Amino acid sequence: MTLPDHSVDRLLAGRYALGSTLGAGGMGEVRTATDVRLGREVAVKLLRLDGADIDARRRFETEARAAARIAHPNAVAIYDFGEDTDTAYLVMELLPARTVAEEIADGPLEESRARRFAAEMLNALATAHDVGVIHRDIKPQNVLLTADDHVKVGDFGIAKIAEAGDATRTGMLLGTPAYLAPERLGGGSATPRSDIYSVGVVLYEMLTGRKAFSGEAPIAVANAVQRGAVAPLRKVRRGVDPALVAVVERAMARDPKRRYASARAMAAALRGSDTTQADTVVSSSPALGGDATLALPVDATQTLRSPKPSRMTTRERRDRPRARPSRVASLIALCVLVVAVVAGVLIAGASDQMSPGSTTTSTSVVVPSSGVVVNGSTLPRAVERDLRELER
């Protein structure tokens, strides 16, 4: 794709002198630039409007609006957004051209460094979630390094802004399969907990130096994610702090309710804090829209363990009221009656379904009308279609 050549003689928006190309894709490119008004170096993402479809233009605008809401040291800062002739532009801070993906390519990160990077990502996401923005595409390639070895979350191109709704078609796959939460591959909506899952996957990769889920094709990767087919972290890299392993495993739980209630809760766990008392479950804020969400203790969604029974003294056992024989007998009789009734229904049902002379019964598998079965996992048809597109 060829974009207009904005030289110093013709400044972009009368302000930005474009420089070298940092990266390019099918819809646009990112270039260095100089803000001649403020005299600072910036990065500019460009989108050619006359060649972009409606979805591409909406995602470009969404990135600008979403990122502009997030003022945090660990998020890429957005300075300006607009259109100039036939080009849309997004001006952001210029960072060294290195990502966490490139760091991982050099080998597993030190535990302390991986833990710190993940905590910084979560801090940025906590701020995003507070203002109703869900990233939806957390992956090593979208996490940039600063000159002083900190990280900044970038690329909010497919972020979800609550009140703006979703500008894509229903069921459309958005994100990178290897880092998507299982419920999203199943057609579910993006939530703060799906971002948390993605951070868990990235943390696993930083610690092991390899992807948690892999496959020869996107649909194979998606299937692996849905099955939870990941090698245990403690076996891939022995000697990792068990507490850190527990954090990764909880973040990557297939059931969203078993994950951390918020990005802050996971960040606190990485710092070794006790979040069971301080943090609360706030799965959505007023900015996220929808029904109001109650604030509950962070572990309120977890299975509660029954307290251990205390030992009774001999006198307490002697004084404890005993069940009346008549009540016990009645309960036993009732259980026997229920079992008898259920057995009779099952036998009758089996007789009705088995044809005379047959010796085997048939089992039918119902495939949901909204999805297809791929190696035992059900993927919505729209998701399966998008995965097939990625294979081309």
Protein backbone atom coordinates (compact mmCIF):
# COMPACT_ATOMS: atom_id res chain seq x y z
CA MET A 1 0.00 0.00 0.00
CA THR A 2 1.38 3.40 -0.98
CA LEU A 3 0.55 6.39 1.18
CA PRO A 4 0.99 10.02 0.19
CA ASP A 5 4.56 11.26 0.53
CA HIS A 6 4.26 14.09 3.04
CA SER A 7 7.54 15.99 2.85
CA VAL A 8 8.70 18.89 5.00
CA ASP A 9 7.30 21.24 2.34
CA ARG A 10 3.85 19.78 2.95
CA LEU A 11 3.46 18.98 6.61
CA LEU A 12 0.85 16.45 7.68
CA ALA A 13 -1.96 18.55 9.14
CA GLY A 14 0.40 21.48 8.85
CA ARG A 15 2.31 20.20 11.85
CA TYR A 16 4.03 16.82 11.44
CA ALA A 17 7.10 16.25 9.26
CA LEU A 18 7.11 12.52 8.48
CA GLY A 19 10.30 10.51 8.63
CA SER A 20 11.27 6.85 8.27
CA THR A 21 8.85 3.93 8.25
CA LEU A 22 8.66 1.89 11.45
CA GLY A 23 6.18 -0.67 10.20
CA ALA A 24 3.57 -1.25 7.52
CA GLY A 25 0.52 -3.40 7.01
CA GLY A 26 -2.33 -3.92 4.63
CA MET A 27 -4.25 -0.86 5.84
CA GLY A 28 -1.53 1.63 6.61
CA GLU A 29 1.84 2.26 8.14
CA VAL A 30 3.60 3.77 11.15
CA ARG A 31 6.30 6.38 10.64
CA THR A 32 8.53 8.56 12.73
CA ALA A 33 7.74 12.26 12.61
CA THR A 34 8.68 15.58 14.10
CA ASP A 35 6.06 17.79 15.66
CA VAL A 36 7.33 21.12 14.35
CA ARG A 37 5.19 23.10 16.78
CA LEU A 38 6.49 21.43 19.93
CA GLY A 39 9.81 20.28 18.56
CA ARG A 40 9.45 16.67 19.70
CA GLU A 41 9.82 13.33 17.99
CA VAL A 42 6.63 11.27 17.68
CA ALA A 43 5.26 8.21 15.93
CA VAL A 44 2.39 8.60 13.47
CA LYS A 45 0.07 5.83 12.36
CA LEU A 46 -1.41 6.52 8.93
CA LEU A 47 -4.49 5.08 7.24
CA ARG A 48 -5.31 5.72 3.59
CA LEU A 49 -9.00 6.57 3.62
CA ASP A 50 -9.78 6.02 -0.04
CA GLY A 51 -8.63 2.41 0.18
CA ALA A 52 -9.94 1.47 3.62
CA ASP A 53 -13.23 -0.29 4.26
CA ILE A 54 -15.73 0.95 6.83
CA ASP A 55 -14.56 -1.49 9.52
CA ALA A 56 -10.95 -0.39 9.12
CA ARG A 57 -11.89 3.26 9.52
CA ARG A 58 -13.99 2.50 12.59
CA ARG A 59 -11.20 0.50 14.20
CA PHE A 60 -8.76 3.32 13.52
CA GLU A 61 -11.08 5.80 15.21
CA THR A 62 -11.73 3.35 18.05
CA GLU A 63 -8.00 3.07 18.71
CA ALA A 64 -7.69 6.83 18.94
CA ARG A 65 -10.68 7.23 21.25
CA ALA A 66 -9.79 4.26 23.45
CA ALA A 67 -6.11 5.08 23.87
CA ALA A 68 -6.85 8.77 24.47
CA ARG A 69 -8.93 7.82 27.52
CA ILE A 70 -6.05 6.03 29.17
CA ALA A 71 -3.56 8.28 30.90
CA HIS A 72 -1.10 5.89 32.49
CA PRO A 73 2.70 5.56 32.50
CA ASN A 74 2.39 1.98 31.21
CA ALA A 75 0.16 2.80 28.24
CA VAL A 76 1.35 4.37 24.99
CA ALA A 77 0.39 8.05 25.10
CA ILE A 78 -1.80 9.48 22.34
CA TYR A 79 -1.17 13.10 21.37
CA ASP A 80 -3.37 13.83 18.38
CA PHE A 81 -5.84 12.37 15.91
CA GLY A 82 -7.41 13.68 12.73
CA GLU A 83 -7.65 13.59 8.95
CA ASP A 84 -5.61 15.34 6.30
CA THR A 85 -6.91 15.13 2.75
CA ASP A 86 -7.26 11.38 2.09
CA THR A 87 -5.29 10.18 5.12
CA ALA A 88 -6.31 9.58 8.72
CA TYR A 89 -3.55 9.90 11.28
CA LEU A 90 -2.93 9.00 14.90
CA VAL A 91 -0.01 10.68 16.69
CA MET A 92 1.55 8.88 19.66
CA GLU A 93 4.71 8.85 21.70
CA LEU A 94 7.77 7.44 19.99
CA LEU A 95 9.33 4.45 21.74
CA PRO A 96 12.38 2.31 21.00
CA ALA A 97 11.49 -0.19 18.29
CA ARG A 98 11.51 -3.27 20.51
CA THR A 99 8.65 -5.34 21.89
CA VAL A 100 8.24 -8.03 24.52
CA ALA A 101 7.91 -10.51 21.65
CA GLU A 102 11.48 -9.73 20.62
CA GLU A 103 12.65 -10.12 24.21
CA ILE A 104 11.04 -13.57 24.39
CA ALA A 105 12.67 -14.55 21.10
CA ASP A 106 16.03 -14.17 22.88
CA GLY A 107 14.95 -16.68 25.54
CA PRO A 108 12.92 -16.84 28.75
CA LEU A 109 12.97 -13.72 30.89
CA GLU A 110 14.21 -13.64 34.45
CA GLU A 111 11.42 -14.25 36.93
CA SER A 112 11.66 -10.80 38.50
CA ARG A 113 11.61 -9.10 35.10
CA ALA A 114 8.68 -11.13 33.80
CA ARG A 115 6.77 -10.47 37.01
CA ARG A 116 7.44 -6.74 36.77
CA PHE A 117 6.44 -6.54 33.10
CA ALA A 118 3.17 -8.37 33.79
CA ALA A 119 2.38 -6.10 36.75
CA GLU A 120 2.97 -3.01 34.62
CA MET A 121 0.70 -4.36 31.89
CA LEU A 122 -1.99 -5.00 34.49
CA ASN A 123 -1.64 -1.49 35.90
CA ALA A 124 -2.33 -0.05 32.45
CA LEU A 125 -5.26 -2.40 31.90
CA ALA A 126 -6.75 -1.53 35.29
CA THR A 127 -6.88 2.10 34.22
CA ALA A 128 -8.37 1.09 30.86
CA HIS A 129 -11.04 -1.04 32.51
CA ASP A 130 -11.89 1.80 34.88
CA VAL A 131 -12.89 3.98 31.92
CA GLY A 132 -14.75 1.22 30.09
CA VAL A 133 -12.05 0.12 27.64
CA ILE A 134 -11.23 -3.56 27.10
CA HIS A 135 -8.10 -4.12 25.03
CA ARG A 136 -9.03 -7.51 23.44
CA ASP A 137 -5.64 -8.07 21.82
CA ILE A 138 -3.04 -8.35 24.57
CA LYS A 139 -0.01 -10.18 23.18
CA PRO A 140 3.80 -9.76 23.31
CA GLN A 141 3.84 -7.86 20.00
CA ASN A 142 1.57 -5.18 21.44
CA VAL A 143 3.67 -4.55 24.53
CA LEU A 144 6.52 -2.10 23.89
CA LEU A 145 9.69 -1.54 25.88
CA THR A 146 10.95 1.84 27.03
CA ALA A 147 14.58 2.91 27.17
CA ASP A 148 14.64 2.35 30.95
CA ASP A 149 13.26 -1.22 30.66
CA HIS A 150 9.62 -0.67 31.49
CA VAL A 151 6.67 -1.68 29.31
CA LYS A 152 3.82 0.19 27.70
CA VAL A 153 0.65 -1.39 26.35
CA GLY A 154 -0.17 -0.23 22.84
CA ASP A 155 -2.31 -1.00 19.80
CA PHE A 156 -5.87 -0.41 20.97
CA GLY A 157 -7.06 -0.88 17.39
CA ILE A 158 -9.66 -3.51 18.29
CA ALA A 159 -10.39 -2.31 21.80
CA LYS A 160 -13.98 -2.39 22.98
CA ILE A 161 -15.44 0.86 24.25
CA ALA A 162 -18.57 0.17 26.24
CA GLU A 163 -21.01 2.85 25.16
CA ALA A 164 -19.77 2.74 21.56
CA GLY A 165 -20.77 -0.89 21.24
CA ASP A 166 -19.01 -3.29 18.90
CA ALA A 167 -18.52 -1.98 15.39
CA THR A 168 -17.84 -5.42 13.97
CA ARG A 169 -20.25 -8.04 12.71
CA THR A 170 -21.81 -10.38 15.26
CA GLY A 171 -19.51 -13.22 16.20
CA MET A 172 -16.54 -11.81 14.32
CA LEU A 173 -13.24 -13.04 15.68
CA LEU A 174 -11.14 -10.15 16.95
CA GLY A 175 -7.76 -10.79 18.46
CA THR A 176 -5.00 -13.35 18.13
CA PRO A 177 -6.17 -16.97 18.72
CA ALA A 178 -3.16 -18.01 20.83
CA TYR A 179 -3.94 -15.28 23.39
CA LEU A 180 -7.74 -15.26 23.31
CA ALA A 181 -9.70 -16.52 26.31
CA PRO A 182 -11.72 -19.72 25.72
CA GLU A 183 -15.05 -17.96 26.20
CA ARG A 184 -14.20 -15.50 23.44
CA LEU A 185 -13.40 -18.33 21.05
CA GLY A 186 -16.77 -19.71 22.04
CA GLY A 187 -18.44 -16.52 20.86
CA GLY A 188 -18.64 -14.80 24.24
CA SER A 189 -18.16 -11.09 24.81
CA ALA A 190 -14.87 -9.54 25.82
CA THR A 191 -14.65 -8.64 29.51
CA PRO A 192 -11.90 -7.43 31.85
CA ARG A 193 -11.34 -11.07 32.79
CA SER A 194 -10.64 -12.00 29.19
CA ASP A 195 -7.88 -9.37 29.19
CA ILE A 196 -6.57 -10.91 32.43
CA TYR A 197 -6.47 -14.33 30.77
CA SER A 198 -4.37 -12.88 27.94
CA VAL A 199 -1.92 -11.38 30.42
CA GLY A 200 -1.60 -14.81 32.01
CA VAL A 201 -0.75 -16.33 28.64
CA VAL A 202 1.85 -13.63 27.96
CA LEU A 203 3.37 -14.15 31.42
CA TYR A 204 3.57 -17.91 30.76
CA GLU A 205 5.40 -17.16 27.49
CA MET A 206 7.79 -14.71 29.15
CA LEU A 207 8.71 -17.32 31.75
CA THR A 208 9.06 -20.30 29.39
CA GLY A 209 10.23 -18.69 26.17
CA ARG A 210 7.55 -20.55 24.23
CA LYS A 211 3.89 -20.10 23.40
CA ALA A 212 1.36 -21.66 25.72
CA PHE A 213 -0.76 -22.81 22.77
CA SER A 214 0.46 -23.69 19.32
CA GLY A 215 -0.75 -25.42 16.18
CA GLU A 216 -0.17 -25.67 12.46
CA ALA A 217 -3.17 -23.46 11.72
CA PRO A 218 -5.22 -20.84 13.61
CA ILE A 219 -8.13 -23.23 14.04
CA ALA A 220 -5.80 -25.82 15.62
CA VAL A 221 -4.52 -23.17 18.01
CA ALA A 222 -8.08 -22.17 18.91
CA ASN A 223 -8.93 -25.80 19.57
CA ALA A 224 -5.92 -26.15 21.88
CA VAL A 225 -7.03 -23.06 23.80
CA GLN A 226 -10.54 -24.38 24.26
CA ARG A 227 -9.24 -27.74 25.49
CA GLY A 228 -6.76 -26.07 27.83
CA ALA A 229 -3.95 -28.06 26.22
CA VAL A 230 -1.03 -26.29 27.85
CA ALA A 231 2.08 -27.87 29.35
CA PRO A 232 2.30 -27.15 33.09
CA LEU A 233 4.57 -24.20 33.75
CA ARG A 234 6.34 -25.97 36.61
CA LYS A 235 7.39 -28.74 34.22
CA VAL A 236 8.44 -26.53 31.32
CA ARG A 237 10.63 -24.37 33.55
CA ARG A 238 11.57 -26.02 36.78
CA GLY A 239 12.39 -23.95 39.79
CA VAL A 240 9.89 -21.14 39.19
CA ASP A 241 8.50 -19.67 42.38
CA PRO A 242 5.38 -21.76 43.20
CA ALA A 243 3.51 -18.58 44.12
CA LEU A 244 4.21 -17.18 40.66
CA VAL A 245 3.09 -20.44 39.05
CA ALA A 246 -0.16 -20.19 40.99
CA VAL A 247 -0.73 -16.66 39.70
CA VAL A 248 -0.26 -17.77 36.09
CA GLU A 249 -2.54 -20.78 36.50
CA ARG A 250 -5.31 -18.74 38.09
CA ALA A 251 -5.10 -16.07 35.39
CA MET A 252 -5.33 -18.77 32.70
CA ALA A 253 -8.27 -20.60 34.28
CA ARG A 254 -10.73 -21.71 31.60
CA ASP A 255 -13.66 -20.59 33.76
CA PRO A 256 -13.66 -16.76 33.92
CA LYS A 257 -15.09 -16.87 37.44
CA ARG A 258 -11.95 -18.65 38.67
CA ARG A 259 -9.65 -15.92 37.39
CA TYR A 260 -8.69 -12.79 39.25
CA ALA A 261 -11.61 -10.45 39.72
CA SER A 262 -9.70 -7.47 38.37
CA ALA A 263 -6.39 -6.44 36.86
CA ARG A 264 -5.47 -4.81 40.16
CA ALA A 265 -6.10 -8.07 42.02
CA MET A 266 -3.70 -9.94 39.77
CA ALA A 267 -1.11 -7.17 40.00
CA ALA A 268 -1.35 -7.33 43.79
CA ALA A 269 -0.88 -11.10 43.68
CA LEU A 270 2.25 -10.64 41.59
CA ARG A 271 3.57 -8.30 44.24
CA GLY A 272 2.87 -10.93 46.84
CA SER A 273 0.02 -8.99 48.45
CA ASP A 274 -2.95 -10.61 50.16
CA THR A 275 -5.82 -9.58 47.89
CA THR A 276 -8.51 -11.61 49.63
CA GLN A 277 -9.23 -8.75 52.02
CA ALA A 278 -8.42 -5.62 50.05
CA ASP A 279 -9.71 -6.24 46.55
CA THR A 280 -13.28 -6.39 45.37
CA VAL A 281 -14.96 -7.89 42.37
CA VAL A 282 -15.91 -5.14 39.97
CA SER A 283 -16.40 -6.86 36.66
CA SER A 284 -17.88 -3.75 35.17
CA SER A 285 -18.07 -0.07 35.98
CA PRO A 286 -20.77 2.44 35.05
CA ALA A 287 -18.69 3.20 31.96
CA LEU A 288 -18.97 -0.42 30.87
CA GLY A 289 -22.74 -0.18 30.65
CA GLY A 290 -25.16 -3.05 31.20
CA ASP A 291 -26.60 -4.08 34.52
CA ALA A 292 -25.05 -2.75 37.68
CA THR A 293 -22.48 -5.04 39.27
CA LEU A 294 -22.25 -5.59 42.99
CA ALA A 295 -18.90 -5.29 44.75
CA LEU A 296 -17.95 -8.55 46.42
CA PRO A 297 -14.77 -9.86 48.07
CA VAL A 298 -12.29 -11.02 45.44
CA ASP A 299 -12.69 -14.69 46.32
CA ALA A 300 -16.46 -14.53 46.57
CA THR A 301 -16.80 -16.19 43.18
CA GLN A 302 -14.60 -19.10 44.24
CA THR A 303 -15.88 -22.30 45.79
CA LEU A 304 -16.11 -21.75 49.50
CA ARG A 305 -14.61 -24.43 51.71
CA SER A 306 -16.61 -25.61 54.67
CA PRO A 307 -14.94 -24.76 57.96
CA LYS A 308 -13.37 -27.68 59.77
CA PRO A 309 -15.68 -28.98 62.50
CA SER A 310 -14.39 -28.20 65.94
CA ARG A 311 -13.85 -31.04 68.36
CA MET A 312 -16.62 -31.50 70.88
CA THR A 313 -16.02 -32.32 74.47
CA THR A 314 -17.47 -35.49 76.03
CA ARG A 315 -20.13 -33.41 77.77
CA GLU A 316 -21.09 -31.65 74.49
CA ARG A 317 -21.50 -34.99 72.76
CA ARG A 318 -23.61 -36.26 75.66
CA ASP A 319 -25.78 -33.13 75.69
CA ARG A 320 -26.13 -32.91 71.90
CA PRO A 321 -29.77 -33.48 70.87
CA ARG A 322 -30.23 -36.80 69.14
CA ALA A 323 -32.39 -37.38 66.07
CA ARG A 324 -35.69 -38.92 66.86
CA PRO A 325 -35.97 -42.53 65.65
CA SER A 326 -39.28 -41.78 63.99
CA ARG A 327 -37.75 -38.95 61.90
CA VAL A 328 -34.80 -41.12 60.83
CA ALA A 329 -37.09 -43.94 59.83
CA SER A 330 -39.25 -41.58 57.82
CA LEU A 331 -36.26 -40.19 55.94
CA ILE A 332 -35.02 -43.70 55.08
CA ALA A 333 -38.42 -44.72 53.83
CA LEU A 334 -38.68 -41.60 51.69
CA CYS A 335 -35.25 -42.23 50.08
CA VAL A 336 -36.21 -45.83 49.27
CA LEU A 337 -39.42 -44.64 47.66
CA VAL A 338 -37.62 -42.03 45.49
CA VAL A 339 -35.06 -44.59 44.30
CA ALA A 340 -37.80 -47.03 43.41
CA VAL A 341 -39.71 -44.42 41.39
CA VAL A 342 -36.61 -43.28 39.47
CA ALA A 343 -35.64 -46.86 38.66
CA GLY A 344 -39.09 -47.58 37.36
CA VAL A 345 -39.05 -44.53 35.08
CA LEU A 346 -35.64 -45.44 33.66
CA ILE A 347 -36.66 -49.04 32.94
CA ALA A 348 -39.85 -47.89 31.24
CA GLY A 349 -37.95 -45.35 29.15
CA ALA A 350 -35.42 -47.95 28.04
CA SER A 351 -38.19 -50.32 27.01
CA ASP A 352 -39.89 -47.65 24.93
CA GLN A 353 -36.70 -46.63 23.09
CA MET A 354 -35.43 -50.12 22.26
CA SER A 355 -37.04 -51.74 19.23
CA PRO A 356 -38.06 -55.44 19.43
CA GLY A 357 -35.13 -57.74 18.86
CA SER A 358 -32.48 -55.03 19.02
CA THR A 359 -29.41 -55.65 21.12
CA THR A 360 -27.78 -52.22 21.02
CA THR A 361 -28.86 -48.66 21.57
CA SER A 362 -27.85 -45.72 19.39
CA THR A 363 -26.29 -42.50 20.68
CA SER A 364 -27.03 -39.23 18.92
CA VAL A 365 -24.71 -36.23 19.04
CA VAL A 366 -26.42 -32.85 18.83
CA VAL A 367 -24.33 -30.17 17.13
CA PRO A 368 -25.40 -26.67 18.23
CA SER A 369 -26.96 -24.77 15.35
CA SER A 370 -24.69 -21.84 16.14
CA GLY A 371 -21.44 -23.72 15.88
CA VAL A 372 -19.38 -26.55 14.48
CA VAL A 373 -17.45 -29.24 16.31
CA VAL A 374 -13.70 -29.14 15.76
CA ASN A 375 -11.82 -32.02 17.35
CA GLY A 376 -14.42 -32.25 20.07
CA SER A 377 -14.67 -28.50 20.72
CA THR A 378 -17.55 -26.33 19.60
CA LEU A 379 -16.68 -23.11 17.80
CA PRO A 380 -19.34 -20.67 16.63
CA ARG A 381 -19.67 -20.67 12.87
CA ALA A 382 -18.61 -17.03 12.59
CA VAL A 383 -15.47 -17.71 14.64
CA GLU A 384 -14.67 -20.84 12.65
CA ARG A 385 -15.11 -18.85 9.43
CA ASP A 386 -12.68 -16.16 10.58
CA LEU A 387 -10.13 -18.78 11.65
CA ARG A 388 -10.35 -20.36 8.21
CA GLU A 389 -9.73 -16.93 6.69
CA LEU A 390 -6.53 -16.62 8.71
CA GLU A 391 -5.29 -19.92 7.21
CA ARG A 392 -5.39 -18.53 3.68
